[in-house]
Amino acid sequence: MEITQEQKTYAEIVQKAWEDAEFKKELINNPLAAIEKLTGKKLNLPEGKKLVVRDQTDTSAFYINIPAQPKNSADAELSEAQLETVSGGIAIGGCTPDFPFPGGTTGPYNPFPPIFSKM
């Protein structure tokens, strides 16, 4: 699987936040400005959207992200292109990022933290 430019940029932002406390603070307080300063590129968020950054580096806590509820998902039908894309199947629980972060890790997100593995 080829790594996209967005994935590379995301990895760069996370790595910088891990290494630089001042950048992390700025990223949390004003993410658009911090990212633009780091990358030299302005993010173009859709109208009415905002970017929220939460510090989840506290290793004594587990975090659960509650995504927006899908609208009319029971009535949704996939297009032929979408069906073709997913026809190979998917692992239970969705997918996890498998792009490399500097330092050899595969990313900070784990949808199955150890607290759920013994259920």
C-alpha atoms as a PDB file:
ATOM      1  CA  MET A   1       0.000   0.000   0.000  1.00  0.00           C
ATOM      2  CA  GLU A   2       1.392   3.363  -0.991  1.00  0.00           C
ATOM      3  CA  ILE A   3       1.612   6.068   1.648  1.00  0.00           C
ATOM      4  CA  THR A   4      -0.275   9.227   0.700  1.00  0.00           C
ATOM      5  CA  GLN A   5       1.026  12.740   1.193  1.00  0.00           C
ATOM      6  CA  GLU A   6      -1.705  13.304   3.803  1.00  0.00           C
ATOM      7  CA  GLN A   7      -0.457  10.307   5.792  1.00  0.00           C
ATOM      8  CA  LYS A   8       3.123  11.581   5.599  1.00  0.00           C
ATOM      9  CA  THR A   9       2.035  15.029   6.770  1.00  0.00           C
ATOM     10  CA  TYR A  10       0.001  13.549   9.622  1.00  0.00           C
ATOM     11  CA  ALA A  11       2.994  11.473  10.726  1.00  0.00           C
ATOM     12  CA  GLU A  12       5.215  14.564  10.608  1.00  0.00           C
ATOM     13  CA  ILE A  13       2.762  16.556  12.762  1.00  0.00           C
ATOM     14  CA  VAL A  14       2.456  13.788  15.361  1.00  0.00           C
ATOM     15  CA  GLN A  15       6.217  13.230  15.498  1.00  0.00           C
ATOM     16  CA  LYS A  16       6.838  16.964  15.976  1.00  0.00           C
ATOM     17  CA  ALA A  17       4.244  17.091  18.789  1.00  0.00           C
ATOM     18  CA  TRP A  18       5.921  14.129  20.502  1.00  0.00           C
ATOM     19  CA  GLU A  19       9.341  15.787  20.326  1.00  0.00           C
ATOM     20  CA  ASP A  20       8.528  19.482  20.865  1.00  0.00           C
ATOM     21  CA  ALA A  21       6.378  20.496  23.857  1.00  0.00           C
ATOM     22  CA  GLU A  22       5.993  24.076  22.605  1.00  0.00           C
ATOM     23  CA  PHE A  23       4.746  22.878  19.206  1.00  0.00           C
ATOM     24  CA  LYS A  24       2.331  20.457  20.914  1.00  0.00           C
ATOM     25  CA  LYS A  25       0.926  23.302  23.020  1.00  0.00           C
ATOM     26  CA  GLU A  26       0.496  25.488  19.932  1.00  0.00           C
ATOM     27  CA  LEU A  27      -1.054  22.571  18.003  1.00  0.00           C
ATOM     28  CA  ILE A  28      -3.660  22.080  20.732  1.00  0.00           C
ATOM     29  CA  ASN A  29      -4.445  25.797  21.077  1.00  0.00           C
ATOM     30  CA  ASN A  30      -4.383  26.804  17.403  1.00  0.00           C
ATOM     31  CA  PRO A  31      -4.037  23.729  15.179  1.00  0.00           C
ATOM     32  CA  LEU A  32      -4.450  25.452  11.814  1.00  0.00           C
ATOM     33  CA  ALA A  33      -1.712  27.999  12.524  1.00  0.00           C
ATOM     34  CA  ALA A  34       0.635  25.388  14.015  1.00  0.00           C
ATOM     35  CA  ILE A  35       0.244  23.046  11.034  1.00  0.00           C
ATOM     36  CA  GLU A  36       0.688  25.878   8.546  1.00  0.00           C
ATOM     37  CA  LYS A  37       3.826  27.024  10.378  1.00  0.00           C
ATOM     38  CA  LEU A  38       5.254  23.473  10.352  1.00  0.00           C
ATOM     39  CA  THR A  39       4.375  22.499   6.788  1.00  0.00           C
ATOM     40  CA  GLY A  40       4.303  25.865   5.056  1.00  0.00           C
ATOM     41  CA  LYS A  41       0.875  24.959   3.682  1.00  0.00           C
ATOM     42  CA  LYS A  42      -2.525  26.247   4.689  1.00  0.00           C
ATOM     43  CA  LEU A  43      -5.207  23.647   5.442  1.00  0.00           C
ATOM     44  CA  ASN A  44      -8.456  24.146   3.573  1.00  0.00           C
ATOM     45  CA  LEU A  45     -11.207  22.918   5.852  1.00  0.00           C
ATOM     46  CA  PRO A  46     -14.738  22.678   4.473  1.00  0.00           C
ATOM     47  CA  GLU A  47     -17.027  25.604   5.280  1.00  0.00           C
ATOM     48  CA  GLY A  48     -18.324  25.427   8.841  1.00  0.00           C
ATOM     49  CA  LYS A  49     -15.804  22.778   9.951  1.00  0.00           C
ATOM     50  CA  LYS A  50     -13.106  23.122  12.604  1.00  0.00           C
ATOM     51  CA  LEU A  51     -10.039  21.113  13.508  1.00  0.00           C
ATOM     52  CA  VAL A  52      -9.866  19.850  17.090  1.00  0.00           C
ATOM     53  CA  VAL A  53      -6.622  18.464  18.539  1.00  0.00           C
ATOM     54  CA  ARG A  54      -6.702  16.567  21.833  1.00  0.00           C
ATOM     55  CA  ASP A  55      -3.591  15.517  23.711  1.00  0.00           C
ATOM     56  CA  GLN A  56      -3.851  11.780  24.260  1.00  0.00           C
ATOM     57  CA  THR A  57      -0.267  11.200  25.347  1.00  0.00           C
ATOM     58  CA  ASP A  58      -1.207  10.428  28.966  1.00  0.00           C
ATOM     59  CA  THR A  59      -0.280   6.748  29.132  1.00  0.00           C
ATOM     60  CA  SER A  60      -2.286   6.240  32.331  1.00  0.00           C
ATOM     61  CA  ALA A  61      -5.564   6.804  30.445  1.00  0.00           C
ATOM     62  CA  PHE A  62      -7.446   5.117  27.603  1.00  0.00           C
ATOM     63  CA  TYR A  63      -9.314   7.307  25.145  1.00  0.00           C
ATOM     64  CA  ILE A  64     -12.450   6.569  23.165  1.00  0.00           C
ATOM     65  CA  ASN A  65     -13.344   8.729  20.196  1.00  0.00           C
ATOM     66  CA  ILE A  66     -17.070   8.900  19.512  1.00  0.00           C
ATOM     67  CA  PRO A  67     -17.540   9.622  15.789  1.00  0.00           C
ATOM     68  CA  ALA A  68     -20.583  11.314  14.331  1.00  0.00           C
ATOM     69  CA  GLN A  69     -23.536   8.987  13.916  1.00  0.00           C
ATOM     70  CA  PRO A  70     -24.099   8.019  10.277  1.00  0.00           C
ATOM     71  CA  LYS A  71     -27.208   9.462   8.685  1.00  0.00           C
ATOM     72  CA  ASN A  72     -29.664   6.952   7.244  1.00  0.00           C
ATOM     73  CA  SER A  73     -27.029   4.219   7.220  1.00  0.00           C
ATOM     74  CA  ALA A  74     -29.691   1.488   7.294  1.00  0.00           C
ATOM     75  CA  ASP A  75     -31.036   2.715   3.956  1.00  0.00           C
ATOM     76  CA  ALA A  76     -27.663   3.382   2.354  1.00  0.00           C
ATOM     77  CA  GLU A  77     -26.658   1.472  -0.728  1.00  0.00           C
ATOM     78  CA  LEU A  78     -23.142   1.205  -2.043  1.00  0.00           C
ATOM     79  CA  SER A  79     -22.366   2.162  -5.613  1.00  0.00           C
ATOM     80  CA  GLU A  80     -20.812  -0.405  -7.927  1.00  0.00           C
ATOM     81  CA  ALA A  81     -17.418   1.273  -7.454  1.00  0.00           C
ATOM     82  CA  GLN A  82     -17.771   1.124  -3.665  1.00  0.00           C
ATOM     83  CA  LEU A  83     -18.805  -2.532  -3.803  1.00  0.00           C
ATOM     84  CA  GLU A  84     -15.791  -3.296  -5.970  1.00  0.00           C
ATOM     85  CA  THR A  85     -13.523  -1.513  -3.478  1.00  0.00           C
ATOM     86  CA  VAL A  86     -14.735  -3.489  -0.466  1.00  0.00           C
ATOM     87  CA  SER A  87     -15.280  -6.838  -2.184  1.00  0.00           C
ATOM     88  CA  GLY A  88     -12.037  -8.187  -0.694  1.00  0.00           C
ATOM     89  CA  GLY A  89     -13.472  -7.841   2.812  1.00  0.00           C
ATOM     90  CA  ILE A  90     -12.384  -5.951   5.867  1.00  0.00           C
ATOM     91  CA  ALA A  91     -11.166  -6.950   9.308  1.00  0.00           C
ATOM     92  CA  ILE A  92     -13.634  -6.780  12.169  1.00  0.00           C
ATOM     93  CA  GLY A  93     -13.510  -3.340  13.721  1.00  0.00           C
ATOM     94  CA  GLY A  94     -12.590  -1.470  10.566  1.00  0.00           C
ATOM     95  CA  CYS A  95      -9.096  -0.597   9.559  1.00  0.00           C
ATOM     96  CA  THR A  96      -6.178   0.878  11.388  1.00  0.00           C
ATOM     97  CA  PRO A  97      -3.536   3.121   9.944  1.00  0.00           C
ATOM     98  CA  ASP A  98      -0.626   1.052   8.710  1.00  0.00           C
ATOM     99  CA  PHE A  99       1.567   3.861   7.491  1.00  0.00           C
ATOM    100  CA  PRO A 100       4.924   4.136   9.215  1.00  0.00           C
ATOM    101  CA  PHE A 101       5.708   6.873  11.672  1.00  0.00           C
ATOM    102  CA  PRO A 102       9.278   7.975  12.161  1.00  0.00           C
ATOM    103  CA  GLY A 103      10.832   5.678  14.730  1.00  0.00           C
ATOM    104  CA  GLY A 104       9.212   2.542  13.297  1.00  0.00           C
ATOM    105  CA  THR A 105       5.797   2.658  14.991  1.00  0.00           C
ATOM    106  CA  THR A 106       2.595   2.384  12.984  1.00  0.00           C
ATOM    107  CA  GLY A 107       0.742   5.178  14.716  1.00  0.00           C
ATOM    108  CA  PRO A 108      -0.911   6.289  17.907  1.00  0.00           C
ATOM    109  CA  TYR A 109      -4.392   4.962  17.141  1.00  0.00           C
ATOM    110  CA  ASN A 110      -5.363   1.497  18.350  1.00  0.00           C
ATOM    111  CA  PRO A 111      -9.103   0.801  18.126  1.00  0.00           C
ATOM    112  CA  PHE A 112      -8.715  -2.212  20.408  1.00  0.00           C
ATOM    113  CA  PRO A 113      -6.873  -1.078  23.528  1.00  0.00           C
ATOM    114  CA  PRO A 114      -5.848  -3.832  25.934  1.00  0.00           C
ATOM    115  CA  ILE A 115      -8.833  -3.091  28.196  1.00  0.00           C
ATOM    116  CA  PHE A 116     -11.123  -4.677  25.595  1.00  0.00           C
ATOM    117  CA  SER A 117      -8.994  -7.677  24.628  1.00  0.00           C
ATOM    118  CA  LYS A 118     -10.095  -9.920  27.541  1.00  0.00           C
ATOM    119  CA  MET A 119     -13.849  -9.575  26.933  1.00  0.00           C
END
